Amino acid sequence: MKCFPFMVNIEGKSCLIVGGGAVALRKAEKLLLFGVKLSVCAKDACPALLPYLCAEEYAERLLCGADFVVAATDDKALNARVASDCRERGIPVNSVDDRENCDFYFPALIGRGSVTVGISTGGASPALAAALREYIEALLPDDLGGIAEKAEKLRGKEGYAQYIRSALGRDAE
């Protein structure tokens, strides 16, 4: 499936994660870096997710006010129910390891300062996306965040494009 890679500001948006295990934690860790308001619904939540626990049992009422939802339990039927409930309400949902019940996918992320690179295979192969992330990350300068800060200050000024090419080691192009 071909997916368009929207870059969306999710700071302050409400996200419900249904599930409290290792997969839910990985999703939560990625989202928290971008300033979401997180709520977790899980019978057994790992310790790092306990501060976000809002309920032990999933109920449709938990979707009220959610901007998007992640169904990350090891119960495929529950994940599918969450996805169905979300779709009835027009709430974007990601149901881990279930492409048919996803409205969006989590990309493999590279983050350096204000620069975020997301790599996706449209849900076809998360392992390939992770391998590509490692490959691309090794090609990027360690100080990419600093380069972005300086580029922002130079934006619209003479020498802007040249600075970027030089900072990325692309002078000859």
C-alpha atoms as a PDB file:
ATOM      1  CA  MET A   1       0.000   0.000   0.000  1.00  0.00           C
ATOM      2  CA  LYS A   2       1.315   3.438  -0.908  1.00  0.00           C
ATOM      3  CA  CYS A   3       0.960   5.935   1.919  1.00  0.00           C
ATOM      4  CA  PHE A   4       1.518   9.667   1.764  1.00  0.00           C
ATOM      5  CA  PRO A   5       3.929  10.706   4.553  1.00  0.00           C
ATOM      6  CA  PHE A   6       2.064  13.535   6.303  1.00  0.00           C
ATOM      7  CA  MET A   7       4.094  15.341   8.921  1.00  0.00           C
ATOM      8  CA  VAL A   8       1.489  16.401  11.474  1.00  0.00           C
ATOM      9  CA  ASN A   9       1.897  18.481  14.606  1.00  0.00           C
ATOM     10  CA  ILE A  10       0.535  16.245  17.392  1.00  0.00           C
ATOM     11  CA  GLU A  11       1.685  18.400  20.301  1.00  0.00           C
ATOM     12  CA  GLY A  12      -1.204  18.659  22.754  1.00  0.00           C
ATOM     13  CA  LYS A  13      -3.324  16.096  20.882  1.00  0.00           C
ATOM     14  CA  SER A  14      -5.004  13.348  22.905  1.00  0.00           C
ATOM     15  CA  CYS A  15      -3.964   9.788  22.197  1.00  0.00           C
ATOM     16  CA  LEU A  16      -5.456   6.675  23.748  1.00  0.00           C
ATOM     17  CA  ILE A  17      -3.309   3.559  23.735  1.00  0.00           C
ATOM     18  CA  VAL A  18      -5.187   0.341  24.402  1.00  0.00           C
ATOM     19  CA  GLY A  19      -2.643  -2.104  25.789  1.00  0.00           C
ATOM     20  CA  GLY A  20       0.153  -1.862  28.293  1.00  0.00           C
ATOM     21  CA  GLY A  21       2.931  -4.185  27.191  1.00  0.00           C
ATOM     22  CA  ALA A  22       6.247  -3.704  25.418  1.00  0.00           C
ATOM     23  CA  VAL A  23       4.684  -2.758  22.064  1.00  0.00           C
ATOM     24  CA  ALA A  24       2.404  -0.190  23.688  1.00  0.00           C
ATOM     25  CA  LEU A  25       5.413   1.228  25.532  1.00  0.00           C
ATOM     26  CA  ARG A  26       7.405   1.605  22.287  1.00  0.00           C
ATOM     27  CA  LYS A  27       4.507   3.473  20.670  1.00  0.00           C
ATOM     28  CA  ALA A  28       4.065   5.665  23.766  1.00  0.00           C
ATOM     29  CA  GLU A  29       7.768   6.534  23.890  1.00  0.00           C
ATOM     30  CA  LYS A  30       7.695   7.694  20.257  1.00  0.00           C
ATOM     31  CA  LEU A  31       4.550   9.752  20.753  1.00  0.00           C
ATOM     32  CA  LEU A  32       5.639  11.392  23.999  1.00  0.00           C
ATOM     33  CA  LEU A  33       8.663  12.864  22.207  1.00  0.00           C
ATOM     34  CA  PHE A  34       6.185  14.899  20.178  1.00  0.00           C
ATOM     35  CA  GLY A  35       4.160  16.243  23.123  1.00  0.00           C
ATOM     36  CA  VAL A  36       0.956  14.207  23.017  1.00  0.00           C
ATOM     37  CA  LYS A  37      -1.462  13.963  25.926  1.00  0.00           C
ATOM     38  CA  LEU A  38      -1.359  10.240  26.539  1.00  0.00           C
ATOM     39  CA  SER A  39      -3.939   7.951  28.136  1.00  0.00           C
ATOM     40  CA  VAL A  40      -3.466   4.207  28.494  1.00  0.00           C
ATOM     41  CA  CYS A  41      -6.089   1.529  28.955  1.00  0.00           C
ATOM     42  CA  ALA A  42      -4.648  -1.816  30.095  1.00  0.00           C
ATOM     43  CA  LYS A  43      -5.213  -4.599  32.586  1.00  0.00           C
ATOM     44  CA  ASP A  44      -1.479  -5.095  33.016  1.00  0.00           C
ATOM     45  CA  ALA A  45       0.533  -1.989  32.204  1.00  0.00           C
ATOM     46  CA  CYS A  46       4.316  -1.951  32.397  1.00  0.00           C
ATOM     47  CA  PRO A  47       5.631   0.409  35.105  1.00  0.00           C
ATOM     48  CA  ALA A  48       6.599   3.188  32.679  1.00  0.00           C
ATOM     49  CA  LEU A  49       2.978   3.410  31.467  1.00  0.00           C
ATOM     50  CA  LEU A  50       1.347   3.503  34.920  1.00  0.00           C
ATOM     51  CA  PRO A  51       1.329   7.343  35.117  1.00  0.00           C
ATOM     52  CA  TYR A  52      -0.860   7.382  31.991  1.00  0.00           C
ATOM     53  CA  LEU A  53      -3.274   4.615  33.049  1.00  0.00           C
ATOM     54  CA  CYS A  54      -6.899   5.760  32.819  1.00  0.00           C
ATOM     55  CA  ALA A  55      -8.751   2.421  32.834  1.00  0.00           C
ATOM     56  CA  GLU A  56      -8.121  -1.298  33.039  1.00  0.00           C
ATOM     57  CA  GLU A  57     -10.891  -2.424  30.684  1.00  0.00           C
ATOM     58  CA  TYR A  58     -11.482  -0.994  27.218  1.00  0.00           C
ATOM     59  CA  ALA A  59     -14.847   0.691  26.737  1.00  0.00           C
ATOM     60  CA  GLU A  60     -16.075   2.818  23.833  1.00  0.00           C
ATOM     61  CA  ARG A  61     -16.528   5.791  26.176  1.00  0.00           C
ATOM     62  CA  LEU A  62     -12.720   6.028  26.420  1.00  0.00           C
ATOM     63  CA  LEU A  63     -12.677   7.242  22.814  1.00  0.00           C
ATOM     64  CA  CYS A  64     -14.425  10.508  23.763  1.00  0.00           C
ATOM     65  CA  GLY A  65     -11.950  13.316  23.193  1.00  0.00           C
ATOM     66  CA  ALA A  66      -9.309  11.098  21.582  1.00  0.00           C
ATOM     67  CA  ASP A  67      -7.677  12.622  18.519  1.00  0.00           C
ATOM     68  CA  PHE A  68      -6.156   9.277  17.552  1.00  0.00           C
ATOM     69  CA  VAL A  69      -5.879   5.791  19.017  1.00  0.00           C
ATOM     70  CA  VAL A  70      -3.347   2.964  19.073  1.00  0.00           C
ATOM     71  CA  ALA A  71      -4.646  -0.565  19.646  1.00  0.00           C
ATOM     72  CA  ALA A  72      -1.594  -2.419  20.968  1.00  0.00           C
ATOM     73  CA  THR A  73      -2.845  -5.475  22.831  1.00  0.00           C
ATOM     74  CA  ASP A  74      -1.976  -9.102  22.145  1.00  0.00           C
ATOM     75  CA  ASP A  75      -5.729  -9.735  21.619  1.00  0.00           C
ATOM     76  CA  LYS A  76      -6.430  -9.407  17.870  1.00  0.00           C
ATOM     77  CA  ALA A  77     -10.199  -9.414  18.410  1.00  0.00           C
ATOM     78  CA  LEU A  78      -9.981  -6.539  20.905  1.00  0.00           C
ATOM     79  CA  ASN A  79      -7.668  -4.584  18.599  1.00  0.00           C
ATOM     80  CA  ALA A  80     -10.155  -5.088  15.733  1.00  0.00           C
ATOM     81  CA  ARG A  81     -13.040  -3.933  17.980  1.00  0.00           C
ATOM     82  CA  VAL A  82     -11.098  -0.805  18.952  1.00  0.00           C
ATOM     83  CA  ALA A  83     -10.390  -0.117  15.258  1.00  0.00           C
ATOM     84  CA  SER A  84     -14.052  -0.583  14.346  1.00  0.00           C
ATOM     85  CA  ASP A  85     -15.212   1.698  17.174  1.00  0.00           C
ATOM     86  CA  CYS A  86     -12.715   4.353  16.087  1.00  0.00           C
ATOM     87  CA  ARG A  87     -13.739   4.191  12.449  1.00  0.00           C
ATOM     88  CA  GLU A  88     -17.414   4.593  13.397  1.00  0.00           C
ATOM     89  CA  ARG A  89     -16.427   7.837  15.132  1.00  0.00           C
ATOM     90  CA  GLY A  90     -13.960   9.080  12.504  1.00  0.00           C
ATOM     91  CA  ILE A  91     -10.978   8.690  14.848  1.00  0.00           C
ATOM     92  CA  PRO A  92      -7.729   7.626  13.137  1.00  0.00           C
ATOM     93  CA  VAL A  93      -6.476   4.329  14.546  1.00  0.00           C
ATOM     94  CA  ASN A  94      -3.336   2.218  14.377  1.00  0.00           C
ATOM     95  CA  SER A  95      -3.851  -1.449  15.192  1.00  0.00           C
ATOM     96  CA  VAL A  96      -0.375  -2.906  15.607  1.00  0.00           C
ATOM     97  CA  ASP A  97       0.549  -5.786  13.312  1.00  0.00           C
ATOM     98  CA  ASP A  98      -2.837  -5.574  11.537  1.00  0.00           C
ATOM     99  CA  ARG A  99      -2.617  -3.556   8.325  1.00  0.00           C
ATOM    100  CA  GLU A 100      -6.324  -3.936   7.562  1.00  0.00           C
ATOM    101  CA  ASN A 101      -7.232  -2.168  10.809  1.00  0.00           C
ATOM    102  CA  CYS A 102      -4.817   0.751  10.444  1.00  0.00           C
ATOM    103  CA  ASP A 103      -5.596   4.243   9.242  1.00  0.00           C
ATOM    104  CA  PHE A 104      -1.991   5.276   9.824  1.00  0.00           C
ATOM    105  CA  TYR A 105       1.358   3.599  10.421  1.00  0.00           C
ATOM    106  CA  PHE A 106       4.248   4.420  12.695  1.00  0.00           C
ATOM    107  CA  PRO A 107       7.345   5.192  10.650  1.00  0.00           C
ATOM    108  CA  ALA A 108      10.832   4.205  11.675  1.00  0.00           C
ATOM    109  CA  LEU A 109      12.060   7.546  13.012  1.00  0.00           C
ATOM    110  CA  ILE A 110      15.334   9.420  12.973  1.00  0.00           C
ATOM    111  CA  GLY A 111      15.301  12.532  15.134  1.00  0.00           C
ATOM    112  CA  ARG A 112      18.046  15.117  15.442  1.00  0.00           C
ATOM    113  CA  GLY A 113      16.903  18.403  16.929  1.00  0.00           C
ATOM    114  CA  SER A 114      14.064  19.770  14.828  1.00  0.00           C
ATOM    115  CA  VAL A 115      14.830  17.343  11.994  1.00  0.00           C
ATOM    116  CA  THR A 116      12.642  14.266  11.849  1.00  0.00           C
ATOM    117  CA  VAL A 117      13.009  11.652   9.137  1.00  0.00           C
ATOM    118  CA  GLY A 118      10.298   9.008   8.899  1.00  0.00           C
ATOM    119  CA  ILE A 119      10.676   5.807   6.915  1.00  0.00           C
ATOM    120  CA  SER A 120       7.671   3.690   6.040  1.00  0.00           C
ATOM    121  CA  THR A 121       6.921   0.664   3.925  1.00  0.00           C
ATOM    122  CA  GLY A 122       3.164   1.232   4.174  1.00  0.00           C
ATOM    123  CA  GLY A 123       2.961  -1.490   6.784  1.00  0.00           C
ATOM    124  CA  ALA A 124       4.499  -4.108   4.483  1.00  0.00           C
ATOM    125  CA  SER A 125       7.730  -4.653   6.422  1.00  0.00           C
ATOM    126  CA  PRO A 126       8.536  -2.861   9.667  1.00  0.00           C
ATOM    127  CA  ALA A 127      11.861  -4.740   9.698  1.00  0.00           C
ATOM    128  CA  LEU A 128      12.817  -3.219   6.339  1.00  0.00           C
ATOM    129  CA  ALA A 129      11.856   0.262   7.580  1.00  0.00           C
ATOM    130  CA  ALA A 130      14.036  -0.271  10.676  1.00  0.00           C
ATOM    131  CA  ALA A 131      16.978  -1.457   8.556  1.00  0.00           C
ATOM    132  CA  LEU A 132      16.607   1.571   6.266  1.00  0.00           C
ATOM    133  CA  ARG A 133      16.503   3.832   9.334  1.00  0.00           C
ATOM    134  CA  GLU A 134      19.838   2.434  10.537  1.00  0.00           C
ATOM    135  CA  TYR A 135      21.363   2.829   7.071  1.00  0.00           C
ATOM    136  CA  ILE A 136      20.143   6.412   6.555  1.00  0.00           C
ATOM    137  CA  GLU A 137      20.972   7.451  10.122  1.00  0.00           C
ATOM    138  CA  ALA A 138      24.600   6.456   9.570  1.00  0.00           C
ATOM    139  CA  LEU A 139      24.726   8.793   6.536  1.00  0.00           C
ATOM    140  CA  LEU A 140      23.442  11.863   8.374  1.00  0.00           C
ATOM    141  CA  PRO A 141      25.751  14.312  10.167  1.00  0.00           C
ATOM    142  CA  ASP A 142      25.735  14.021  13.955  1.00  0.00           C
ATOM    143  CA  ASP A 143      25.130  17.765  14.291  1.00  0.00           C
ATOM    144  CA  LEU A 144      22.081  17.794  11.997  1.00  0.00           C
ATOM    145  CA  GLY A 145      19.988  19.514  14.667  1.00  0.00           C
ATOM    146  CA  GLY A 146      22.505  22.360  14.840  1.00  0.00           C
ATOM    147  CA  ILE A 147      22.613  22.608  11.065  1.00  0.00           C
ATOM    148  CA  ALA A 148      18.825  22.944  11.030  1.00  0.00           C
ATOM    149  CA  GLU A 149      18.945  25.713  13.663  1.00  0.00           C
ATOM    150  CA  LYS A 150      21.466  27.727  11.666  1.00  0.00           C
ATOM    151  CA  ALA A 151      19.590  27.071   8.412  1.00  0.00           C
ATOM    152  CA  GLU A 152      16.428  28.442  10.013  1.00  0.00           C
ATOM    153  CA  LYS A 153      18.255  31.678  10.893  1.00  0.00           C
ATOM    154  CA  LEU A 154      19.639  31.961   7.348  1.00  0.00           C
ATOM    155  CA  ARG A 155      16.372  31.108   5.615  1.00  0.00           C
ATOM    156  CA  GLY A 156      15.592  33.647   2.895  1.00  0.00           C
ATOM    157  CA  LYS A 157      19.047  35.205   3.054  1.00  0.00           C
ATOM    158  CA  GLU A 158      21.828  35.082   0.503  1.00  0.00           C
ATOM    159  CA  GLY A 159      24.032  32.039   0.977  1.00  0.00           C
ATOM    160  CA  TYR A 160      21.227  29.970   2.539  1.00  0.00           C
ATOM    161  CA  ALA A 161      21.319  27.127  -0.002  1.00  0.00           C
ATOM    162  CA  GLN A 162      25.115  27.171  -0.134  1.00  0.00           C
ATOM    163  CA  TYR A 163      25.319  26.859   3.660  1.00  0.00           C
ATOM    164  CA  ILE A 164      23.060  23.806   3.610  1.00  0.00           C
ATOM    165  CA  ARG A 165      25.033  22.118   0.818  1.00  0.00           C
ATOM    166  CA  SER A 166      28.303  22.846   2.597  1.00  0.00           C
ATOM    167  CA  ALA A 167      27.043  21.711   6.004  1.00  0.00           C
ATOM    168  CA  LEU A 168      25.912  18.426   4.460  1.00  0.00           C
ATOM    169  CA  GLY A 169      29.224  17.970   2.630  1.00  0.00           C
ATOM    170  CA  ARG A 170      27.614  18.501  -0.776  1.00  0.00           C
ATOM    171  CA  ASP A 171      29.679  21.501  -1.925  1.00  0.00           C
ATOM    172  CA  ALA A 172      30.514  20.041  -5.315  1.00  0.00           C
ATOM    173  CA  GLU A 173      26.884  19.602  -6.359  1.00  0.00           C
END
